């Protein structure tokens, strides 16, 4: 399986974060609080202007009750089209 590097990951990560938030019915403020970041930080992540840390990633998975494997699988699907 080939993966594209660099700029292709940010849209996939932001798409999964935004998608999980919407799918689970969270408002930005609520998810940001759970992640321990300001709302504008979450907005930057969702728009591909800020990286998601590993700690934030695992918190996202816990909050949304989606396994890390499932979250990464969703990212790969977005990259591969």
N, C-alpha and C. Protein backbone atom coordinates (compact mmCIF):
# COMPACT_ATOMS: atom_id res chain seq x y z
N UNK A 1 0.85 -1.17 0.00
CA UNK A 1 0.00 0.00 0.00
C UNK A 1 0.89 1.24 0.00
N UNK A 2 0.68 2.13 -0.94
CA UNK A 2 1.47 3.35 -1.01
C UNK A 2 0.72 4.48 -0.33
N UNK A 3 1.46 5.31 0.39
CA UNK A 3 0.89 6.49 1.02
C UNK A 3 1.55 7.72 0.43
N UNK A 4 0.76 8.74 0.25
CA UNK A 4 1.30 10.02 -0.19
C UNK A 4 1.78 10.76 1.05
N UNK A 5 2.88 11.44 0.95
CA UNK A 5 3.44 12.16 2.09
C UNK A 5 3.13 13.64 2.02
N UNK A 6 3.40 14.32 3.10
CA UNK A 6 3.32 15.77 3.12
C UNK A 6 1.94 16.34 3.19
N UNK A 7 1.64 17.19 2.24
CA UNK A 7 0.42 17.99 2.29
C UNK A 7 -0.87 17.17 2.25
N UNK A 8 -0.82 15.95 1.82
CA UNK A 8 -2.03 15.14 1.72
C UNK A 8 -2.59 14.73 3.09
N UNK A 9 -1.76 14.67 4.12
CA UNK A 9 -2.23 14.23 5.44
C UNK A 9 -3.10 15.27 6.13
N UNK A 10 -2.72 16.54 6.01
CA UNK A 10 -3.48 17.58 6.73
C UNK A 10 -4.95 17.60 6.34
N UNK A 11 -5.30 17.58 5.06
CA UNK A 11 -6.73 17.55 4.72
C UNK A 11 -7.42 16.30 5.23
N UNK A 12 -6.73 15.18 5.23
CA UNK A 12 -7.32 13.94 5.73
C UNK A 12 -7.56 14.02 7.23
N UNK A 13 -6.58 14.52 7.96
CA UNK A 13 -6.72 14.66 9.41
C UNK A 13 -7.83 15.65 9.73
N UNK A 14 -7.81 16.80 9.08
CA UNK A 14 -8.84 17.80 9.36
C UNK A 14 -10.22 17.28 8.98
N UNK A 15 -10.31 16.53 7.90
CA UNK A 15 -11.59 15.97 7.48
C UNK A 15 -12.13 14.96 8.48
N UNK A 16 -11.26 14.15 9.04
CA UNK A 16 -11.69 13.16 10.03
C UNK A 16 -12.10 13.85 11.33
N UNK A 17 -11.33 14.83 11.77
CA UNK A 17 -11.69 15.55 12.99
C UNK A 17 -13.05 16.22 12.83
N UNK A 18 -13.20 16.95 11.74
CA UNK A 18 -14.47 17.64 11.45
C UNK A 18 -15.62 16.63 11.31
N UNK A 19 -15.36 15.53 10.61
CA UNK A 19 -16.38 14.52 10.39
C UNK A 19 -16.81 13.83 11.67
N UNK A 20 -15.84 13.47 12.52
CA UNK A 20 -16.18 12.82 13.78
C UNK A 20 -16.97 13.77 14.69
N UNK A 21 -16.57 15.03 14.71
CA UNK A 21 -17.29 16.00 15.53
C UNK A 21 -18.75 16.10 15.09
N UNK A 22 -18.96 16.21 13.79
CA UNK A 22 -20.32 16.31 13.26
C UNK A 22 -21.10 15.02 13.47
N UNK A 23 -20.46 13.90 13.18
CA UNK A 23 -21.10 12.58 13.31
C UNK A 23 -21.57 12.32 14.74
N UNK A 24 -20.77 12.74 15.71
CA UNK A 24 -21.09 12.50 17.12
C UNK A 24 -21.91 13.63 17.74
N UNK A 25 -22.18 14.69 16.98
CA UNK A 25 -23.05 15.76 17.44
C UNK A 25 -22.41 16.74 18.41
N UNK A 26 -21.09 16.87 18.36
CA UNK A 26 -20.40 17.82 19.24
C UNK A 26 -20.35 19.21 18.62
N UNK A 27 -20.52 20.21 19.43
CA UNK A 27 -20.23 21.58 19.01
C UNK A 27 -18.73 21.77 19.15
N UNK A 28 -18.18 22.71 18.38
CA UNK A 28 -16.74 22.95 18.45
C UNK A 28 -16.28 23.23 19.87
N UNK A 29 -17.05 24.04 20.59
CA UNK A 29 -16.66 24.41 21.95
C UNK A 29 -16.57 23.19 22.86
N UNK A 30 -17.51 22.27 22.71
CA UNK A 30 -17.52 21.08 23.56
C UNK A 30 -16.35 20.14 23.26
N UNK A 31 -16.09 19.92 21.97
CA UNK A 31 -14.98 19.05 21.60
C UNK A 31 -13.65 19.70 21.98
N UNK A 32 -13.53 21.00 21.74
CA UNK A 32 -12.29 21.70 22.09
C UNK A 32 -12.01 21.57 23.59
N UNK A 33 -13.04 21.72 24.40
CA UNK A 33 -12.87 21.59 25.85
C UNK A 33 -12.39 20.18 26.20
N UNK A 34 -12.98 19.18 25.59
CA UNK A 34 -12.57 17.80 25.84
C UNK A 34 -11.14 17.53 25.42
N UNK A 35 -10.71 18.18 24.34
CA UNK A 35 -9.34 18.00 23.86
C UNK A 35 -8.35 18.83 24.66
N UNK A 36 -8.87 19.79 25.44
CA UNK A 36 -7.98 20.65 26.22
C UNK A 36 -7.32 21.74 25.42
N UNK A 37 -8.02 22.19 24.37
CA UNK A 37 -7.48 23.26 23.52
C UNK A 37 -8.54 24.34 23.34
N UNK A 38 -8.12 25.55 22.96
CA UNK A 38 -9.12 26.60 22.70
C UNK A 38 -9.94 26.29 21.45
N UNK A 39 -11.10 26.88 21.36
CA UNK A 39 -11.97 26.68 20.20
C UNK A 39 -11.25 27.07 18.91
N UNK A 40 -10.51 28.17 18.94
CA UNK A 40 -9.81 28.57 17.72
C UNK A 40 -8.74 27.55 17.33
N UNK A 41 -8.19 26.83 18.31
CA UNK A 41 -7.23 25.76 18.01
C UNK A 41 -7.90 24.62 17.26
N UNK A 42 -9.10 24.25 17.70
CA UNK A 42 -9.85 23.20 17.00
C UNK A 42 -10.24 23.66 15.60
N UNK A 43 -10.64 24.91 15.49
CA UNK A 43 -10.97 25.45 14.17
C UNK A 43 -9.77 25.40 13.23
N UNK A 44 -8.60 25.73 13.75
CA UNK A 44 -7.39 25.65 12.93
C UNK A 44 -7.10 24.21 12.49
N UNK A 45 -7.31 23.25 13.39
CA UNK A 45 -7.11 21.83 13.04
C UNK A 45 -8.10 21.43 11.96
N UNK A 46 -9.38 21.79 12.16
CA UNK A 46 -10.42 21.40 11.21
C UNK A 46 -10.24 22.03 9.84
N UNK A 47 -9.51 23.12 9.78
CA UNK A 47 -9.28 23.80 8.51
C UNK A 47 -7.88 23.55 7.96
N UNK A 48 -7.14 22.62 8.58
CA UNK A 48 -5.83 22.22 8.08
C UNK A 48 -4.72 23.21 8.32
N UNK A 49 -4.90 24.11 9.30
CA UNK A 49 -3.88 25.13 9.57
C UNK A 49 -3.09 24.85 10.84
N UNK A 50 -3.41 23.76 11.53
CA UNK A 50 -2.69 23.38 12.75
C UNK A 50 -2.66 21.87 12.81
N UNK A 51 -1.51 21.34 13.23
CA UNK A 51 -1.38 19.89 13.38
C UNK A 51 -2.12 19.41 14.62
N UNK A 52 -2.57 18.18 14.57
CA UNK A 52 -3.20 17.50 15.70
C UNK A 52 -2.10 16.71 16.40
N UNK A 53 -1.90 16.98 17.69
CA UNK A 53 -0.86 16.23 18.41
C UNK A 53 -1.33 14.80 18.66
N UNK A 54 -0.40 13.95 19.00
CA UNK A 54 -0.76 12.56 19.31
C UNK A 54 -1.67 12.49 20.53
N UNK A 55 -1.39 13.30 21.54
CA UNK A 55 -2.23 13.33 22.74
C UNK A 55 -3.65 13.75 22.35
N UNK A 56 -3.76 14.79 21.54
CA UNK A 56 -5.07 15.25 21.09
C UNK A 56 -5.78 14.19 20.25
N UNK A 57 -5.02 13.48 19.44
CA UNK A 57 -5.59 12.41 18.62
C UNK A 57 -6.22 11.33 19.50
N UNK A 58 -5.48 10.89 20.51
CA UNK A 58 -6.02 9.84 21.39
C UNK A 58 -7.17 10.35 22.22
N UNK A 59 -7.14 11.60 22.62
CA UNK A 59 -8.28 12.18 23.33
C UNK A 59 -9.50 12.22 22.41
N UNK A 60 -9.29 12.61 21.16
CA UNK A 60 -10.37 12.64 20.18
C UNK A 60 -11.02 11.26 20.06
N UNK A 61 -10.19 10.24 19.98
CA UNK A 61 -10.70 8.87 19.87
C UNK A 61 -11.50 8.49 21.10
N UNK A 62 -11.00 8.84 22.28
CA UNK A 62 -11.73 8.53 23.52
C UNK A 62 -13.07 9.25 23.57
N UNK A 63 -13.05 10.54 23.25
CA UNK A 63 -14.26 11.36 23.33
C UNK A 63 -15.32 10.88 22.34
N UNK A 64 -14.90 10.56 21.13
CA UNK A 64 -15.86 10.16 20.09
C UNK A 64 -16.15 8.67 20.09
N UNK A 65 -15.43 7.93 20.95
CA UNK A 65 -15.60 6.48 21.05
C UNK A 65 -15.33 5.77 19.71
N UNK A 66 -14.28 6.25 19.05
CA UNK A 66 -13.81 5.66 17.80
C UNK A 66 -12.39 5.18 18.07
N UNK A 67 -12.08 3.96 17.72
CA UNK A 67 -10.74 3.44 17.98
C UNK A 67 -9.72 4.20 17.14
N UNK A 68 -8.48 4.30 17.64
CA UNK A 68 -7.43 4.93 16.84
C UNK A 68 -7.26 4.26 15.47
N UNK A 69 -7.42 2.95 15.42
CA UNK A 69 -7.30 2.23 14.15
C UNK A 69 -8.39 2.71 13.18
N UNK A 70 -9.62 2.83 13.66
CA UNK A 70 -10.72 3.30 12.82
C UNK A 70 -10.47 4.72 12.34
N UNK A 71 -9.98 5.59 13.23
CA UNK A 71 -9.71 6.98 12.86
C UNK A 71 -8.64 7.06 11.77
N UNK A 72 -7.57 6.29 11.94
CA UNK A 72 -6.50 6.29 10.93
C UNK A 72 -7.00 5.67 9.63
N UNK A 73 -7.81 4.64 9.71
CA UNK A 73 -8.39 4.03 8.51
C UNK A 73 -9.22 5.07 7.73
N UNK A 74 -9.98 5.87 8.44
CA UNK A 74 -10.74 6.92 7.77
C UNK A 74 -9.82 7.92 7.09
N UNK A 75 -8.70 8.26 7.74
CA UNK A 75 -7.74 9.20 7.13
C UNK A 75 -7.15 8.61 5.85
N UNK A 76 -6.77 7.35 5.91
CA UNK A 76 -6.17 6.70 4.74
C UNK A 76 -7.19 6.67 3.59
N UNK A 77 -8.45 6.38 3.89
CA UNK A 77 -9.47 6.36 2.85
C UNK A 77 -9.61 7.73 2.20
N UNK A 78 -9.50 8.80 2.98
CA UNK A 78 -9.58 10.14 2.40
C UNK A 78 -8.37 10.42 1.51
N UNK A 79 -7.21 9.96 1.91
CA UNK A 79 -5.99 10.17 1.12
C UNK A 79 -6.07 9.39 -0.19
N UNK A 80 -6.50 8.16 -0.09
CA UNK A 80 -6.52 7.30 -1.27
C UNK A 80 -7.69 7.59 -2.21
N UNK A 81 -8.66 8.34 -1.70
CA UNK A 81 -9.80 8.70 -2.54
C UNK A 81 -10.80 7.67 -2.61
